[in-house]
C-alpha atoms as a PDB file:
ATOM      1  CA  MET A   1     196.823-109.147  65.871  1.00  0.00           C
ATOM      2  CA  ILE A   2     196.001-112.966  65.002  1.00  0.00           C
ATOM      3  CA  LYS A   3     198.005-114.503  62.054  1.00  0.00           C
ATOM      4  CA  VAL A   4     196.031-117.385  60.231  1.00  0.00           C
ATOM      5  CA  ALA A   5     197.945-119.324  57.765  1.00  0.00           C
ATOM      6  CA  PRO A   6     197.351-122.907  55.881  1.00  0.00           C
ATOM      7  CA  ILE A   7     200.042-125.385  56.732  1.00  0.00           C
ATOM      8  CA  LEU A   8     201.131-128.899  56.098  1.00  0.00           C
ATOM      9  CA  TYR A   9     201.555-130.365  59.411  1.00  0.00           C
ATOM     10  CA  THR A  10     204.652-132.352  58.581  1.00  0.00           C
ATOM     11  CA  SER A  11     205.506-133.443  62.457  1.00  0.00           C
ATOM     12  CA  LYS A  12     202.620-136.101  61.785  1.00  0.00           C
ATOM     13  CA  THR A  13     202.775-138.486  59.186  1.00  0.00           C
ATOM     14  CA  LEU A  14     199.958-140.699  58.766  1.00  0.00           C
ATOM     15  CA  SER A  15     200.206-144.609  58.015  1.00  0.00           C
ATOM     16  CA  SER A  16     199.404-143.555  54.185  1.00  0.00           C
ATOM     17  CA  GLY A  17     202.422-141.479  54.210  1.00  0.00           C
ATOM     18  CA  GLU A  18     200.330-138.033  53.953  1.00  0.00           C
ATOM     19  CA  HIS A  19     200.404-135.289  56.610  1.00  0.00           C
ATOM     20  CA  PRO A  20     197.181-133.447  57.695  1.00  0.00           C
ATOM     21  CA  ILE A  21     196.470-129.822  56.355  1.00  0.00           C
ATOM     22  CA  MET A  22     195.773-127.559  59.369  1.00  0.00           C
ATOM     23  CA  ILE A  23     195.224-123.650  59.891  1.00  0.00           C
ATOM     24  CA  ARG A  24     197.802-122.076  62.149  1.00  0.00           C
ATOM     25  CA  LEU A  25     196.491-119.369  64.344  1.00  0.00           C
ATOM     26  CA  THR A  26     199.413-117.292  65.910  1.00  0.00           C
ATOM     27  CA  LEU A  27     198.890-114.911  68.642  1.00  0.00           C
ATOM     28  CA  LYS A  28     201.725-113.329  71.067  1.00  0.00           C
ATOM     29  CA  GLY A  29     203.801-116.444  70.123  1.00  0.00           C
ATOM     30  CA  LYS A  30     201.168-118.963  71.256  1.00  0.00           C
ATOM     31  CA  ARG A  31     199.907-121.096  68.383  1.00  0.00           C
ATOM     32  CA  LYS A  32     196.898-122.974  67.755  1.00  0.00           C
ATOM     33  CA  TYR A  33     195.840-125.719  65.130  1.00  0.00           C
ATOM     34  CA  ILE A  34     192.491-126.367  63.670  1.00  0.00           C
ATOM     35  CA  GLY A  35     192.623-129.580  61.465  1.00  0.00           C
ATOM     36  CA  LEU A  36     190.580-129.377  58.033  1.00  0.00           C
ATOM     37  CA  GLY A  37     190.011-133.257  58.140  1.00  0.00           C
ATOM     38  CA  VAL A  38     192.108-133.463  54.651  1.00  0.00           C
ATOM     39  CA  ASN A  39     195.435-134.810  54.285  1.00  0.00           C
ATOM     40  CA  CYS A  40     198.141-134.370  51.452  1.00  0.00           C
ATOM     41  CA  LYS A  41     201.566-135.724  50.729  1.00  0.00           C
ATOM     42  CA  ALA A  42     204.433-133.633  51.134  1.00  0.00           C
ATOM     43  CA  SER A  43     205.674-133.845  47.269  1.00  0.00           C
ATOM     44  CA  TYR A  44     202.194-132.192  46.640  1.00  0.00           C
ATOM     45  CA  TRP A  45     202.510-129.239  48.533  1.00  0.00           C
ATOM     46  CA  ASP A  46     203.748-125.891  47.429  1.00  0.00           C
ATOM     47  CA  GLU A  47     205.897-124.539  50.379  1.00  0.00           C
ATOM     48  CA  VAL A  48     206.056-120.843  48.862  1.00  0.00           C
ATOM     49  CA  SER A  49     202.251-120.373  48.620  1.00  0.00           C
ATOM     50  CA  ASN A  50     201.333-122.796  51.529  1.00  0.00           C
ATOM     51  CA  LEU A  51     198.949-124.470  49.426  1.00  0.00           C
ATOM     52  CA  PRO A  52     198.368-127.758  47.421  1.00  0.00           C
ATOM     53  CA  SER A  53     200.378-127.457  44.249  1.00  0.00           C
ATOM     54  CA  LYS A  54     199.216-127.828  40.824  1.00  0.00           C
ATOM     55  CA  LYS A  55     200.326-131.574  40.847  1.00  0.00           C
ATOM     56  CA  HIS A  56     197.665-132.412  43.428  1.00  0.00           C
ATOM     57  CA  PRO A  57     194.847-134.286  41.862  1.00  0.00           C
ATOM     58  CA  GLN A  58     192.107-132.150  43.830  1.00  0.00           C
ATOM     59  CA  GLN A  59     193.877-129.026  43.850  1.00  0.00           C
ATOM     60  CA  LYS A  60     191.144-126.928  43.152  1.00  0.00           C
ATOM     61  CA  GLU A  61     188.777-128.258  45.714  1.00  0.00           C
ATOM     62  CA  LEU A  62     191.472-127.978  48.462  1.00  0.00           C
ATOM     63  CA  VAL A  63     192.431-124.350  47.564  1.00  0.00           C
ATOM     64  CA  ILE A  64     188.800-123.156  47.854  1.00  0.00           C
ATOM     65  CA  LEU A  65     188.147-125.197  51.101  1.00  0.00           C
ATOM     66  CA  ILE A  66     191.601-123.758  52.582  1.00  0.00           C
ATOM     67  CA  ILE A  67     190.724-120.175  51.401  1.00  0.00           C
ATOM     68  CA  ASP A  68     187.143-120.198  52.559  1.00  0.00           C
ATOM     69  CA  LEU A  69     187.923-121.348  55.938  1.00  0.00           C
ATOM     70  CA  VAL A  70     190.834-118.788  56.101  1.00  0.00           C
ATOM     71  CA  ASN A  71     188.269-115.840  55.301  1.00  0.00           C
ATOM     72  CA  THR A  72     185.701-117.128  57.559  1.00  0.00           C
ATOM     73  CA  ILE A  73     188.281-117.083  60.305  1.00  0.00           C
ATOM     74  CA  ASN A  74     189.437-113.478  59.466  1.00  0.00           C
ATOM     75  CA  LYS A  75     185.952-112.351  59.497  1.00  0.00           C
ATOM     76  CA  LYS A  76     185.108-113.604  63.070  1.00  0.00           C
ATOM     77  CA  ILE A  77     188.670-111.913  64.318  1.00  0.00           C
END
């Protein structure tokens, strides 16, 4: 079973102080990351839900983008 989860990739910090938002695919301990081309500051990220927090200025658009991509990936699996 492949696990699909959105994450804030804090291992990489951009010059603006933001981190890329990625989708992590996990199968048998091996991980693959798919970048969304969208960045977010760590203070605007909710670690519990793994989505942008309500403080983020573009929270609704990002949540829709992330959920649509996760659903598309799950359908293909």
